[in-house]
Amino acid sequence: MHTLQILLQALGVILLADFLAGVIHWLEDAYGTEETPVLGPLVIRPNIVHHHYPRFFTKLTWWQSSWDLLLIGMLIIGGAAWAGVLTWHVWLFVLLSINANQVHKWSHQTRAENGRVVSFLQDCWILQTPRQHALHHTDPKNTYYCPITNLVNPTLEFIGLWPKLEALIEAFTGATHRADSSNRGEGPTPAWVIEHRRPVPAATPTSLTGPGSCP
């Protein structure tokens, strides 16, 4: 029974990490713009580029795509240690969260690029499959935000979480889902997006870092 409890708790942590990664991904996609202070150039711009050129993301190093998640993870670890609640649950949550973009990246790579282990984990639905993640990149790109597993997205889509949250936000603030120019009929591609057709620059925290802190 003790082993079963541990497994169920671990599953709960995994689902929580996937859900929160999806929430952050949704916020970036729906409400962030390239002009957003601080986050605009560091997070939102890479996210918009990713929607135009999904494979560009696969050319980035782990550091380029995950440095921001690592920073947040270190803050969580430090805060949990200070509060005296640094359990294995926190370590597992942080480990998954700081690698959310790496798992996301694997869903855009070929089986040859991922290797046997990652491909096997995708086949077993332990990691999100490219087939499921492709649903997020289907116009109008406003669904299937959670990037780690195949388990959370179908439930959120069934209950219609994202459109309900957006309707609530619009009712209280007037803010609506950001138009994505990578969708058909949404206008020309911005010049600063097109320039990323060129080779990926050297790894720096201020270069293109992948689609947000989540996803």
Protein backbone atom coordinates (compact mmCIF):
# COMPACT_ATOMS: atom_id res chain seq x y z
CA MET A 1 0.00 0.00 0.00
CA HIS A 2 2.87 2.35 0.79
CA THR A 3 4.31 1.81 -2.70
CA LEU A 4 0.92 2.49 -4.28
CA GLN A 5 0.61 5.74 -2.32
CA ILE A 6 4.02 6.88 -3.51
CA LEU A 7 3.14 6.06 -7.13
CA LEU A 8 -0.17 7.93 -6.89
CA GLN A 9 1.55 10.93 -5.31
CA ALA A 10 4.20 10.90 -8.04
CA LEU A 11 1.46 10.77 -10.69
CA GLY A 12 -0.24 13.71 -9.03
CA VAL A 13 3.00 15.73 -9.11
CA ILE A 14 3.50 14.88 -12.79
CA LEU A 15 -0.03 15.96 -13.69
CA LEU A 16 0.32 19.16 -11.65
CA ALA A 17 3.60 20.05 -13.39
CA ASP A 18 2.04 19.42 -16.79
CA PHE A 19 -1.06 21.47 -15.94
CA LEU A 20 0.90 24.47 -14.63
CA ALA A 21 3.19 24.35 -17.66
CA GLY A 22 0.04 24.45 -19.79
CA VAL A 23 -1.35 27.43 -17.87
CA ILE A 24 1.84 29.40 -18.44
CA HIS A 25 1.91 28.37 -22.10
CA TRP A 26 -1.71 29.50 -22.48
CA LEU A 27 -1.01 32.89 -20.88
CA GLU A 28 1.93 33.45 -23.21
CA ASP A 29 -0.05 32.46 -26.30
CA ALA A 30 -3.24 34.27 -25.39
CA TYR A 31 -2.16 37.52 -23.77
CA GLY A 32 1.56 38.18 -24.20
CA THR A 33 2.91 40.34 -27.02
CA GLU A 34 6.38 41.21 -28.27
CA GLU A 35 5.97 44.61 -26.59
CA THR A 36 5.29 43.16 -23.14
CA PRO A 37 7.93 44.63 -20.77
CA VAL A 38 10.83 42.25 -20.02
CA LEU A 39 8.90 39.10 -20.97
CA GLY A 40 8.20 40.36 -24.50
CA PRO A 41 11.71 39.93 -25.95
CA LEU A 42 12.75 37.06 -23.66
CA VAL A 43 9.64 34.87 -23.74
CA ILE A 44 6.84 36.06 -26.01
CA ARG A 45 8.89 36.71 -29.14
CA PRO A 46 10.43 33.20 -29.09
CA ASN A 47 6.93 31.82 -28.58
CA ILE A 48 5.60 33.67 -31.65
CA VAL A 49 8.59 32.56 -33.73
CA HIS A 50 7.92 28.99 -32.66
CA HIS A 51 4.38 29.20 -34.01
CA HIS A 52 5.74 30.32 -37.39
CA TYR A 53 8.72 27.96 -37.51
CA PRO A 54 8.15 25.07 -35.08
CA ARG A 55 11.35 23.26 -36.08
CA PHE A 56 13.52 26.26 -35.21
CA PHE A 57 13.00 25.30 -31.58
CA THR A 58 14.76 21.96 -32.10
CA LYS A 59 18.02 23.70 -33.03
CA LEU A 60 18.39 25.28 -29.61
CA THR A 61 20.47 23.89 -26.76
CA TRP A 62 18.95 22.88 -23.46
CA TRP A 63 20.28 26.09 -21.93
CA GLN A 64 18.77 28.29 -24.64
CA SER A 65 15.33 26.74 -24.24
CA SER A 66 15.32 26.16 -20.47
CA TRP A 67 17.44 28.79 -18.70
CA ASP A 68 14.36 30.67 -17.50
CA LEU A 69 12.74 27.49 -16.19
CA LEU A 70 15.95 26.59 -14.38
CA LEU A 71 15.97 29.98 -12.67
CA ILE A 72 12.36 29.57 -11.54
CA GLY A 73 13.10 26.04 -10.38
CA MET A 74 16.02 27.21 -8.26
CA LEU A 75 13.76 29.80 -6.65
CA ILE A 76 11.18 27.13 -5.85
CA ILE A 77 13.84 24.85 -4.35
CA GLY A 78 15.24 27.72 -2.28
CA GLY A 79 11.79 28.77 -1.09
CA ALA A 80 10.81 25.23 -0.18
CA ALA A 81 14.08 24.70 1.71
CA TRP A 82 13.59 27.98 3.60
CA ALA A 83 10.03 26.94 4.52
CA GLY A 84 11.14 23.46 5.57
CA VAL A 85 9.00 21.67 2.98
CA LEU A 86 11.68 20.49 0.55
CA THR A 87 10.28 16.99 -0.01
CA TRP A 88 10.80 14.59 -2.91
CA HIS A 89 7.55 15.93 -4.33
CA VAL A 90 9.11 19.36 -4.74
CA TRP A 91 12.25 17.92 -6.32
CA LEU A 92 10.17 15.89 -8.80
CA PHE A 93 7.99 18.89 -9.63
CA VAL A 94 11.00 21.10 -10.28
CA LEU A 95 12.79 18.41 -12.31
CA LEU A 96 9.78 18.05 -14.58
CA SER A 97 9.11 21.76 -14.80
CA ILE A 98 12.63 22.82 -15.77
CA ASN A 99 12.58 20.20 -18.53
CA ALA A 100 9.11 21.04 -19.86
CA ASN A 101 10.58 22.80 -22.88
CA GLN A 102 12.93 19.89 -23.52
CA VAL A 103 9.99 17.48 -23.59
CA HIS A 104 8.22 20.00 -25.82
CA LYS A 105 11.26 20.02 -28.09
CA TRP A 106 11.22 16.22 -28.37
CA SER A 107 7.65 16.38 -29.68
CA HIS A 108 8.97 18.41 -32.65
CA GLN A 109 11.92 16.13 -33.40
CA THR A 110 12.09 12.96 -35.45
CA ARG A 111 12.53 9.54 -33.87
CA ALA A 112 16.09 9.47 -35.16
CA GLU A 113 16.81 12.79 -33.44
CA ASN A 114 15.21 11.68 -30.19
CA GLY A 115 16.84 8.29 -29.98
CA ARG A 116 15.40 4.99 -28.79
CA VAL A 117 14.75 5.89 -25.16
CA VAL A 118 12.75 9.07 -25.75
CA SER A 119 10.90 7.49 -28.69
CA PHE A 120 9.99 4.51 -26.48
CA LEU A 121 8.68 6.81 -23.74
CA GLN A 122 6.59 8.65 -26.33
CA ASP A 123 5.26 5.36 -27.69
CA CYS A 124 4.21 4.39 -24.18
CA TRP A 125 2.53 7.81 -23.67
CA ILE A 126 4.83 8.51 -20.72
CA LEU A 127 6.00 11.60 -22.61
CA GLN A 128 3.73 13.63 -24.86
CA THR A 129 3.54 12.27 -28.36
CA PRO A 130 4.20 14.37 -31.47
CA ARG A 131 0.70 13.45 -32.67
CA GLN A 132 -0.98 15.05 -29.66
CA HIS A 133 1.24 18.13 -29.63
CA ALA A 134 0.52 18.66 -33.33
CA LEU A 135 -3.03 19.51 -32.29
CA HIS A 136 -1.69 22.64 -30.58
CA HIS A 137 -0.04 23.76 -33.81
CA THR A 138 -3.24 23.32 -35.80
CA ASP A 139 -4.84 26.70 -36.57
CA PRO A 140 -5.99 28.68 -34.68
CA LYS A 141 -3.43 27.28 -32.19
CA ASN A 142 -5.60 27.82 -29.12
CA THR A 143 -5.80 24.34 -27.67
CA TYR A 144 -3.70 21.49 -26.16
CA TYR A 145 -1.31 23.75 -24.24
CA CYS A 146 0.11 21.22 -21.74
CA PRO A 147 3.45 19.91 -23.09
CA ILE A 148 4.65 17.07 -20.85
CA THR A 149 2.14 14.18 -20.97
CA ASN A 150 -0.77 12.90 -23.02
CA LEU A 151 -3.00 12.78 -19.95
CA VAL A 152 -3.93 16.35 -19.04
CA ASN A 153 -4.88 17.94 -22.37
CA PRO A 154 -7.84 15.69 -23.25
CA THR A 155 -9.44 16.36 -19.86
CA LEU A 156 -9.02 20.13 -20.17
CA GLU A 157 -10.41 20.07 -23.70
CA PHE A 158 -13.39 17.99 -22.56
CA ILE A 159 -14.34 20.53 -19.91
CA GLY A 160 -13.49 23.49 -22.19
CA LEU A 161 -11.19 25.11 -19.62
CA TRP A 162 -9.32 27.54 -21.88
CA PRO A 163 -12.29 29.18 -23.65
CA LYS A 164 -14.10 29.45 -20.33
CA LEU A 165 -11.12 31.19 -18.72
CA GLU A 166 -10.77 33.51 -21.72
CA ALA A 167 -14.47 34.38 -21.60
CA LEU A 168 -14.14 35.17 -17.89
CA ILE A 169 -11.08 37.36 -18.47
CA GLU A 170 -12.79 39.19 -21.32
CA ALA A 171 -15.88 39.80 -19.19
CA PHE A 172 -13.86 41.36 -16.36
CA THR A 173 -11.03 43.09 -18.26
CA GLY A 174 -12.03 43.30 -21.92
CA ALA A 175 -8.82 41.52 -22.93
CA THR A 176 -9.18 38.98 -25.73
CA HIS A 177 -6.99 36.19 -27.06
CA ARG A 178 -4.06 37.61 -29.02
CA ALA A 179 -4.37 37.24 -32.78
CA ASP A 180 -1.58 35.00 -34.06
CA SER A 181 -0.22 36.17 -37.40
CA SER A 182 1.02 32.65 -38.08
CA ASN A 183 -2.61 31.61 -38.55
CA ARG A 184 -3.95 31.74 -42.07
CA GLY A 185 -5.57 35.07 -42.82
CA GLU A 186 -4.14 36.88 -39.78
CA GLY A 187 -1.91 39.26 -41.73
CA PRO A 188 1.71 39.30 -42.92
CA THR A 189 4.52 37.66 -41.01
CA PRO A 190 6.48 40.28 -38.98
CA ALA A 191 10.00 41.00 -40.24
CA TRP A 192 11.54 40.14 -36.86
CA VAL A 193 10.01 36.67 -37.19
CA ILE A 194 11.23 36.12 -40.75
CA GLU A 195 14.81 36.93 -39.74
CA HIS A 196 14.86 33.75 -37.64
CA ARG A 197 14.91 31.70 -40.80
CA ARG A 198 18.64 32.21 -40.55
CA PRO A 199 20.83 29.83 -38.50
CA VAL A 200 20.41 29.84 -34.72
CA PRO A 201 22.81 32.25 -32.96
CA ALA A 202 25.23 31.23 -30.23
CA ALA A 203 23.64 30.23 -26.92
CA THR A 204 22.96 33.27 -24.76
CA PRO A 205 20.11 33.99 -22.34
CA THR A 206 18.94 36.89 -24.52
CA SER A 207 18.88 34.96 -27.79
CA LEU A 208 15.85 33.02 -28.98
CA THR A 209 15.00 30.80 -26.04
CA GLY A 210 12.10 28.69 -27.23
CA PRO A 211 8.38 29.01 -26.61
CA GLY A 212 8.13 30.68 -23.25
CA SER A 213 8.47 29.42 -19.72
CA CYS A 214 6.27 26.91 -20.44
CA PRO A 215 5.83 25.93 -23.31
